[in-house]
C-alpha atoms as a PDB file:
ATOM      1  CA  MET A   1       3.834 -14.227  -8.782  1.00  0.00           C
ATOM      2  CA  ASN A   2       0.066 -14.594  -8.623  1.00  0.00           C
ATOM      3  CA  ARG A   3       0.574 -16.987  -5.476  1.00  0.00           C
ATOM      4  CA  ALA A   4       2.615 -14.419  -3.498  1.00  0.00           C
ATOM      5  CA  LEU A   5       0.234 -11.858  -4.382  1.00  0.00           C
ATOM      6  CA  ARG A   6      -2.562 -13.971  -3.237  1.00  0.00           C
ATOM      7  CA  ALA A   7      -0.536 -14.452   0.084  1.00  0.00           C
ATOM      8  CA  LEU A   8      -0.949 -10.760   0.893  1.00  0.00           C
ATOM      9  CA  GLY A   9      -4.781 -11.503   1.231  1.00  0.00           C
ATOM     10  CA  PRO A  10      -6.871  -8.365   1.545  1.00  0.00           C
ATOM     11  CA  GLN A  11      -3.785  -6.291   1.172  1.00  0.00           C
ATOM     12  CA  ALA A  12      -3.670  -6.735  -2.318  1.00  0.00           C
ATOM     13  CA  ALA A  13      -6.668  -4.801  -2.742  1.00  0.00           C
ATOM     14  CA  ILE A  14      -5.558  -1.537  -0.858  1.00  0.00           C
ATOM     15  CA  GLY A  15      -4.539   0.293  -4.187  1.00  0.00           C
ATOM     16  CA  THR A  16      -8.109  -0.067  -5.579  1.00  0.00           C
ATOM     17  CA  VAL A  17      -9.164   1.642  -2.169  1.00  0.00           C
ATOM     18  CA  VAL A  18      -6.649   4.307  -2.336  1.00  0.00           C
ATOM     19  CA  GLU A  19      -7.681   5.194  -5.806  1.00  0.00           C
ATOM     20  CA  ALA A  20     -11.235   5.464  -4.968  1.00  0.00           C
ATOM     21  CA  TRP A  21     -10.945   7.311  -1.275  1.00  0.00           C
ATOM     22  CA  PRO A  22     -10.665  10.736  -2.766  1.00  0.00           C
ATOM     23  CA  ASP A  23     -13.860  10.696  -4.860  1.00  0.00           C
ATOM     24  CA  ALA A  24     -15.716   8.197  -2.126  1.00  0.00           C
ATOM     25  CA  VAL A  25     -15.236  10.669   0.787  1.00  0.00           C
ATOM     26  CA  GLY A  26     -14.698  13.985  -0.731  1.00  0.00           C
ATOM     27  CA  GLU A  27     -11.608  16.738  -0.717  1.00  0.00           C
ATOM     28  CA  THR A  28     -11.837  17.576   2.937  1.00  0.00           C
ATOM     29  CA  ILE A  29     -11.972  14.078   4.671  1.00  0.00           C
ATOM     30  CA  ALA A  30      -9.303  13.034   2.000  1.00  0.00           C
ATOM     31  CA  ARG A  31      -7.195  15.504   3.420  1.00  0.00           C
ATOM     32  CA  ASN A  32      -7.584  14.574   7.123  1.00  0.00           C
ATOM     33  CA  ALA A  33      -7.795  10.648   6.770  1.00  0.00           C
ATOM     34  CA  TRP A  34      -6.307   8.124   4.472  1.00  0.00           C
ATOM     35  CA  PRO A  35      -6.533   4.386   3.934  1.00  0.00           C
ATOM     36  CA  ALA A  36      -3.479   2.657   5.452  1.00  0.00           C
ATOM     37  CA  ARG A  37      -4.019  -1.090   5.355  1.00  0.00           C
ATOM     38  CA  PHE A  38      -6.537  -4.229   5.544  1.00  0.00           C
ATOM     39  CA  GLN A  39      -6.904  -6.294   8.580  1.00  0.00           C
ATOM     40  CA  ARG A  40      -7.247 -10.170   8.074  1.00  0.00           C
ATOM     41  CA  ASP A  41     -11.056 -10.004   8.422  1.00  0.00           C
ATOM     42  CA  GLY A  42     -11.280  -7.471   5.624  1.00  0.00           C
ATOM     43  CA  THR A  43     -11.800  -4.092   7.857  1.00  0.00           C
ATOM     44  CA  LEU A  44     -10.260  -1.438   6.070  1.00  0.00           C
ATOM     45  CA  VAL A  45      -7.766   0.609   8.731  1.00  0.00           C
ATOM     46  CA  VAL A  46      -8.050   4.541   7.954  1.00  0.00           C
ATOM     47  CA  HIS A  47      -5.475   6.718   9.487  1.00  0.00           C
ATOM     48  CA  ALA A  48      -7.206   9.959  10.833  1.00  0.00           C
ATOM     49  CA  ARG A  49      -4.816  13.214  11.295  1.00  0.00           C
ATOM     50  CA  ASP A  50      -5.940  12.900  14.732  1.00  0.00           C
ATOM     51  CA  ALA A  51      -8.389  11.439  17.349  1.00  0.00           C
ATOM     52  CA  VAL A  52     -11.378  13.781  16.686  1.00  0.00           C
ATOM     53  CA  TRP A  53     -11.307  13.224  13.326  1.00  0.00           C
ATOM     54  CA  ALA A  54     -11.005   9.508  13.904  1.00  0.00           C
ATOM     55  CA  PHE A  55     -14.056   9.775  16.355  1.00  0.00           C
ATOM     56  CA  GLU A  56     -16.008  11.766  14.012  1.00  0.00           C
ATOM     57  CA  LEU A  57     -15.189   9.727  11.009  1.00  0.00           C
ATOM     58  CA  GLN A  58     -16.079   6.448  12.771  1.00  0.00           C
ATOM     59  CA  GLN A  59     -19.368   8.048  13.453  1.00  0.00           C
ATOM     60  CA  ARG A  60     -19.839   8.211   9.643  1.00  0.00           C
ATOM     61  CA  ALA A  61     -18.584   4.712   8.864  1.00  0.00           C
ATOM     62  CA  ASP A  62     -21.712   3.189   7.322  1.00  0.00           C
ATOM     63  CA  GLU A  63     -22.039   6.055   5.136  1.00  0.00           C
ATOM     64  CA  ILE A  64     -18.643   6.005   3.939  1.00  0.00           C
ATOM     65  CA  ARG A  65     -18.329   2.148   3.439  1.00  0.00           C
ATOM     66  CA  SER A  66     -21.300   2.256   1.328  1.00  0.00           C
ATOM     67  CA  ARG A  67     -19.226   4.237  -1.623  1.00  0.00           C
ATOM     68  CA  LEU A  68     -16.059   2.155  -1.074  1.00  0.00           C
ATOM     69  CA  PRO A  69     -16.787  -1.328  -2.862  1.00  0.00           C
ATOM     70  CA  ASP A  70     -15.976  -4.672  -1.476  1.00  0.00           C
ATOM     71  CA  THR A  71     -15.018  -3.017   2.067  1.00  0.00           C
ATOM     72  CA  PRO A  72     -16.968  -4.903   4.839  1.00  0.00           C
ATOM     73  CA  ALA A  73     -16.045  -2.591   7.701  1.00  0.00           C
ATOM     74  CA  LEU A  74     -14.182   0.439   8.370  1.00  0.00           C
ATOM     75  CA  ARG A  75     -11.824   1.435  11.329  1.00  0.00           C
ATOM     76  CA  PHE A  76     -10.484   4.951  12.159  1.00  0.00           C
ATOM     77  CA  VAL A  77      -7.443   5.487  13.764  1.00  0.00           C
ATOM     78  CA  PRO A  78      -5.300   8.307  14.558  1.00  0.00           C
ATOM     79  CA  GLY A  79      -1.915   8.045  12.176  1.00  0.00           C
ATOM     80  CA  PRO A  80      -0.090   9.423   9.443  1.00  0.00           C
ATOM     81  CA  VAL A  81      -2.126  11.323   6.574  1.00  0.00           C
ATOM     82  CA  PRO A  82      -0.233  12.190   3.452  1.00  0.00           C
ATOM     83  CA  GLU A  83       0.226  15.834   3.065  1.00  0.00           C
ATOM     84  CA  PRO A  84      -1.733  17.140  -0.089  1.00  0.00           C
ATOM     85  CA  GLY A  85       0.404  16.949  -3.309  1.00  0.00           C
ATOM     86  CA  ALA A  86       3.080  14.712  -1.350  1.00  0.00           C
ATOM     87  CA  PRO A  87       4.846  12.885  -3.973  1.00  0.00           C
ATOM     88  CA  THR A  88       3.744   8.973  -4.036  1.00  0.00           C
ATOM     89  CA  ALA A  89       6.859   7.644  -5.532  1.00  0.00           C
ATOM     90  CA  VAL A  90       8.648   5.237  -3.954  1.00  0.00           C
ATOM     91  CA  ALA A  91      11.997   6.489  -1.768  1.00  0.00           C
ATOM     92  CA  GLU A  92      15.124   6.075  -3.532  1.00  0.00           C
ATOM     93  CA  PRO A  93      17.556   3.673  -1.825  1.00  0.00           C
ATOM     94  CA  GLU A  94      19.813   4.381   1.099  1.00  0.00           C
ATOM     95  CA  PRO A  95      23.219   5.785  -0.060  1.00  0.00           C
ATOM     96  CA  GLY A  96      25.715   3.120   0.105  1.00  0.00           C
ATOM     97  CA  ALA A  97      22.703   0.364  -0.544  1.00  0.00           C
ATOM     98  CA  PRO A  98      24.063  -2.605  -2.563  1.00  0.00           C
ATOM     99  CA  THR A  99      23.062  -2.146  -6.655  1.00  0.00           C
ATOM    100  CA  ALA A 100      21.729  -4.992  -8.501  1.00  0.00           C
ATOM    101  CA  THR A 101      23.869  -6.338 -11.156  1.00  0.00           C
ATOM    102  CA  LEU A 102      22.640  -6.453 -14.888  1.00  0.00           C
ATOM    103  CA  GLU A 103      21.540 -10.205 -14.580  1.00  0.00           C
ATOM    104  CA  GLN A 104      19.776  -9.737 -11.265  1.00  0.00           C
ATOM    105  CA  ALA A 105      17.770  -6.494 -12.730  1.00  0.00           C
ATOM    106  CA  ALA A 106      16.869  -9.170 -15.652  1.00  0.00           C
ATOM    107  CA  ARG A 107      15.774 -11.594 -13.275  1.00  0.00           C
ATOM    108  CA  ALA A 108      13.435  -9.229 -11.135  1.00  0.00           C
ATOM    109  CA  ALA A 109      12.024  -8.019 -14.447  1.00  0.00           C
ATOM    110  CA  ALA A 110      11.330 -11.673 -15.852  1.00  0.00           C
ATOM    111  CA  TRP A 111       9.402 -12.400 -12.077  1.00  0.00           C
ATOM    112  CA  ALA A 112       7.233  -9.056 -12.519  1.00  0.00           C
ATOM    113  CA  ALA A 113       6.730  -9.464 -16.476  1.00  0.00           C
ATOM    114  CA  ALA A 114       3.288 -11.588 -15.747  1.00  0.00           C
ATOM    115  CA  ILE A 115       1.793  -8.051 -13.859  1.00  0.00           C
ATOM    116  CA  GLU A 116      -0.615  -6.690 -15.973  1.00  0.00           C
ATOM    117  CA  ASP A 117      -0.689  -3.389 -13.887  1.00  0.00           C
ATOM    118  CA  ASP A 118       2.410  -0.819 -14.675  1.00  0.00           C
ATOM    119  CA  GLU A 119       2.676   0.408 -11.587  1.00  0.00           C
ATOM    120  CA  LEU A 120       2.407  -2.722  -9.637  1.00  0.00           C
ATOM    121  CA  ARG A 121       5.082  -4.391 -12.319  1.00  0.00           C
ATOM    122  CA  ARG A 122       7.423  -1.489 -11.729  1.00  0.00           C
ATOM    123  CA  VAL A 123       7.259  -1.754  -7.805  1.00  0.00           C
ATOM    124  CA  VAL A 124       7.440  -5.549  -7.996  1.00  0.00           C
ATOM    125  CA  ALA A 125      10.533  -5.525 -10.021  1.00  0.00           C
ATOM    126  CA  ARG A 126      12.235  -2.838  -7.966  1.00  0.00           C
ATOM    127  CA  ALA A 127      11.460  -4.750  -4.609  1.00  0.00           C
ATOM    128  CA  ALA A 128      12.949  -7.989  -6.418  1.00  0.00           C
ATOM    129  CA  ARG A 129      16.064  -6.218  -7.515  1.00  0.00           C
ATOM    130  CA  GLY A 130      16.562  -4.916  -4.189  1.00  0.00           C
ATOM    131  CA  SER A 131      16.354  -8.140  -2.505  1.00  0.00           C
ATOM    132  CA  LEU A 132      18.325  -9.769  -4.957  1.00  0.00           C
ATOM    133  CA  SER A 133      21.175  -7.307  -4.753  1.00  0.00           C
ATOM    134  CA  ARG A 134      21.319  -8.103  -0.761  1.00  0.00           C
ATOM    135  CA  ARG A 135      24.146 -10.809   0.200  1.00  0.00           C
ATOM    136  CA  PRO A 136      22.329 -13.740   1.989  1.00  0.00           C
ATOM    137  CA  VAL A 137      22.667 -13.730   5.451  1.00  0.00           C
ATOM    138  CA  ASP A 138      24.101 -16.708   7.629  1.00  0.00           C
ATOM    139  CA  ARG A 139      22.219 -17.524  10.631  1.00  0.00           C
ATOM    140  CA  ASP A 140      22.312 -20.422  13.018  1.00  0.00           C
ATOM    141  CA  PHE A 141      18.752 -21.337  13.913  1.00  0.00           C
END
């Protein structure tokens, strides 16, 4: 599991940045800009509500970056920003999506058991259950 998480590269740190974001930038900026992803070079891409917000925040990038641990650079781009008070839970599966068997669910839980963070362990186990419950696709390559 650790090898799989390391394969994510800088993306593995997005949870830490998302958690620190509101305190680092303040309520007004957090309502109008939100961390989206890391690029391979470690640059944090932040979605802003519109191009005006993206431009203004890019002008303050050095100031904001100084408040975020281990973030070498920031890039602000227009993109989706979560609404205040929006639930952060993962969406439920589509109706008709395959359901994991008890054996598949146990296997997924075993894979995720070594993860210390409760939320991450839950998300990884859910993703593994979903993956195991899908039937293999036969493809000719």
